[in-house]
Amino acid sequence: MKKTFKTILSAVFVFVLSINAKAQLAGTQWQATINIPMPVKAMFDFKADTLFLIQVNSPDSGMVHEIMKYKFENDTLSLQKISGDSPCDNSSVGKYKVEFKDEKMFLILIEDACDARANAWPSDDPWVKVK
């Protein structure tokens, strides 16, 4: 009985953490300068499970360059292209370690078969929270 309770408690804890991690990004927006291939200001707009990469502060402001499916578990953000301008194929998944500090989000490459996406945002240039 005691072991079953611990197992259930552990499962609930992991579930709550995964919901909290997802909620940490859903409904938020983050801006950074990215290389697509030239440096431009862009924004990540996180929805429930979809991420929009939007160009800002330029003649092409508001242009959606990429729509991606995302999954955020523990400290890992997984991205998979749905549609957009990048040469990434729709089956490749990029994985990035996420670190938050002072309303800034740092993406550190774990693995990504799509070089264009992997090289688009440097790990030392943070995404700044907009909303």
Protein backbone atom coordinates (compact mmCIF):
# COMPACT_ATOMS: atom_id res chain seq x y z
CA MET A 1 0.00 0.00 0.00
CA LYS A 2 2.78 2.41 0.92
CA LYS A 3 4.66 1.70 -2.33
CA THR A 4 1.48 2.22 -4.39
CA PHE A 5 0.86 5.57 -2.70
CA LYS A 6 4.42 6.69 -3.47
CA THR A 7 4.04 5.61 -7.10
CA ILE A 8 0.76 7.51 -7.46
CA LEU A 9 2.21 10.57 -5.71
CA SER A 10 5.25 10.51 -8.03
CA ALA A 11 3.02 10.24 -11.12
CA VAL A 12 0.87 13.17 -9.97
CA PHE A 13 4.00 15.25 -9.28
CA VAL A 14 5.40 14.59 -12.79
CA PHE A 15 2.01 15.41 -14.34
CA VAL A 16 1.74 18.71 -12.44
CA LEU A 17 5.30 19.65 -13.46
CA SER A 18 4.56 18.97 -17.12
CA ILE A 19 1.39 21.10 -17.00
CA ASN A 20 3.30 23.91 -15.26
CA ALA A 21 6.12 23.78 -17.84
CA LYS A 22 3.65 23.95 -20.73
CA ALA A 23 1.75 26.79 -19.07
CA GLN A 24 5.01 28.67 -18.65
CA LEU A 25 5.17 29.23 -22.43
CA ALA A 26 1.56 29.03 -23.66
CA GLY A 27 0.13 32.50 -24.16
CA THR A 28 3.51 34.25 -24.00
CA GLN A 29 5.49 36.22 -26.56
CA TRP A 30 9.27 36.63 -26.73
CA GLN A 31 11.43 38.89 -28.97
CA ALA A 32 15.01 38.47 -30.16
CA THR A 33 17.25 39.17 -33.11
CA ILE A 34 17.57 36.07 -35.24
CA ASN A 35 19.43 35.18 -38.42
CA ILE A 36 17.02 34.14 -41.20
CA PRO A 37 19.65 34.41 -42.82
CA MET A 38 20.26 38.13 -42.19
CA PRO A 39 19.66 39.49 -38.67
CA VAL A 40 16.05 40.57 -38.10
CA LYS A 41 13.91 41.27 -35.06
CA ALA A 42 11.48 38.43 -34.53
CA MET A 43 8.93 37.24 -32.04
CA PHE A 44 7.97 33.81 -30.79
CA ASP A 45 4.21 33.74 -30.13
CA PHE A 46 3.41 30.61 -28.12
CA LYS A 47 -0.13 29.25 -28.32
CA ALA A 48 -1.37 26.06 -26.61
CA ASP A 49 0.84 23.71 -28.67
CA THR A 50 1.74 25.84 -31.69
CA LEU A 51 4.47 28.45 -32.04
CA PHE A 52 4.43 31.30 -34.56
CA LEU A 53 7.73 32.94 -35.59
CA ILE A 54 6.79 36.49 -36.62
CA GLN A 55 9.03 39.24 -38.01
CA VAL A 56 8.78 42.58 -36.17
CA ASN A 57 10.24 46.13 -36.47
CA SER A 58 10.82 46.09 -40.22
CA PRO A 59 8.97 46.67 -43.48
CA ASP A 60 7.85 43.01 -43.21
CA SER A 61 6.47 43.43 -39.67
CA GLY A 62 3.77 40.92 -38.89
CA MET A 63 4.98 38.42 -41.47
CA VAL A 64 4.75 34.86 -40.13
CA HIS A 65 7.94 33.11 -41.23
CA GLU A 66 7.30 29.78 -39.60
CA ILE A 67 4.59 27.86 -37.77
CA MET A 68 5.88 25.08 -35.55
CA LYS A 69 4.45 22.50 -33.24
CA TYR A 70 6.19 22.67 -29.89
CA LYS A 71 6.48 20.54 -26.80
CA PHE A 72 8.04 21.78 -23.57
CA GLU A 73 9.00 19.18 -20.98
CA ASN A 74 11.24 19.80 -17.99
CA ASP A 75 13.82 22.17 -19.51
CA THR A 76 13.64 20.91 -23.12
CA LEU A 77 11.81 22.65 -25.95
CA SER A 78 11.13 20.46 -29.00
CA LEU A 79 10.22 22.20 -32.27
CA GLN A 80 8.79 20.70 -35.45
CA LYS A 81 7.93 22.72 -38.56
CA ILE A 82 4.32 22.73 -39.70
CA SER A 83 4.77 25.35 -42.45
CA GLY A 84 6.95 28.30 -43.33
CA ASP A 85 9.98 29.72 -45.11
CA SER A 86 12.80 27.63 -43.64
CA PRO A 87 14.34 24.74 -45.54
CA CYS A 88 13.59 22.45 -42.56
CA ASP A 89 11.51 19.43 -43.49
CA ASN A 90 8.33 18.80 -41.56
CA SER A 91 9.61 15.60 -39.98
CA SER A 92 12.78 16.91 -38.32
CA VAL A 93 12.53 17.84 -34.65
CA GLY A 94 14.89 20.33 -33.03
CA LYS A 95 15.59 20.07 -29.32
CA TYR A 96 16.78 23.00 -27.21
CA LYS A 97 17.54 23.35 -23.54
CA VAL A 98 15.66 26.35 -22.13
CA GLU A 99 16.96 28.55 -19.35
CA PHE A 100 14.93 31.43 -17.90
CA LYS A 101 16.51 34.40 -16.13
CA ASP A 102 15.02 37.84 -15.44
CA GLU A 103 12.25 37.71 -18.06
CA LYS A 104 14.74 36.33 -20.60
CA MET A 105 14.73 32.94 -22.27
CA PHE A 106 17.93 31.33 -23.50
CA LEU A 107 17.75 28.50 -26.07
CA ILE A 108 20.74 26.17 -26.03
CA LEU A 109 21.01 23.69 -28.88
CA ILE A 110 20.77 20.04 -27.86
CA GLU A 111 20.22 18.60 -31.35
CA ASP A 112 18.62 19.73 -34.58
CA ALA A 113 18.93 18.11 -38.00
CA CYS A 114 17.85 21.40 -39.60
CA ASP A 115 20.93 23.64 -39.71
CA ALA A 116 18.87 26.70 -40.70
CA ARG A 117 16.83 26.49 -37.51
CA ALA A 118 19.84 25.55 -35.36
CA ASN A 119 21.77 28.58 -36.61
CA ALA A 120 18.85 31.03 -36.55
CA TRP A 121 19.23 32.06 -32.91
CA PRO A 122 22.51 32.13 -31.04
CA SER A 123 22.43 30.63 -27.53
CA ASP A 124 24.02 33.72 -25.98
CA ASP A 125 21.38 36.12 -27.40
CA PRO A 126 18.26 35.79 -25.22
CA TRP A 127 14.62 36.03 -26.11
CA VAL A 128 13.08 38.84 -24.04
CA LYS A 129 9.56 38.37 -22.71
CA VAL A 130 7.00 40.71 -24.26
CA LYS A 131 3.83 39.31 -22.70
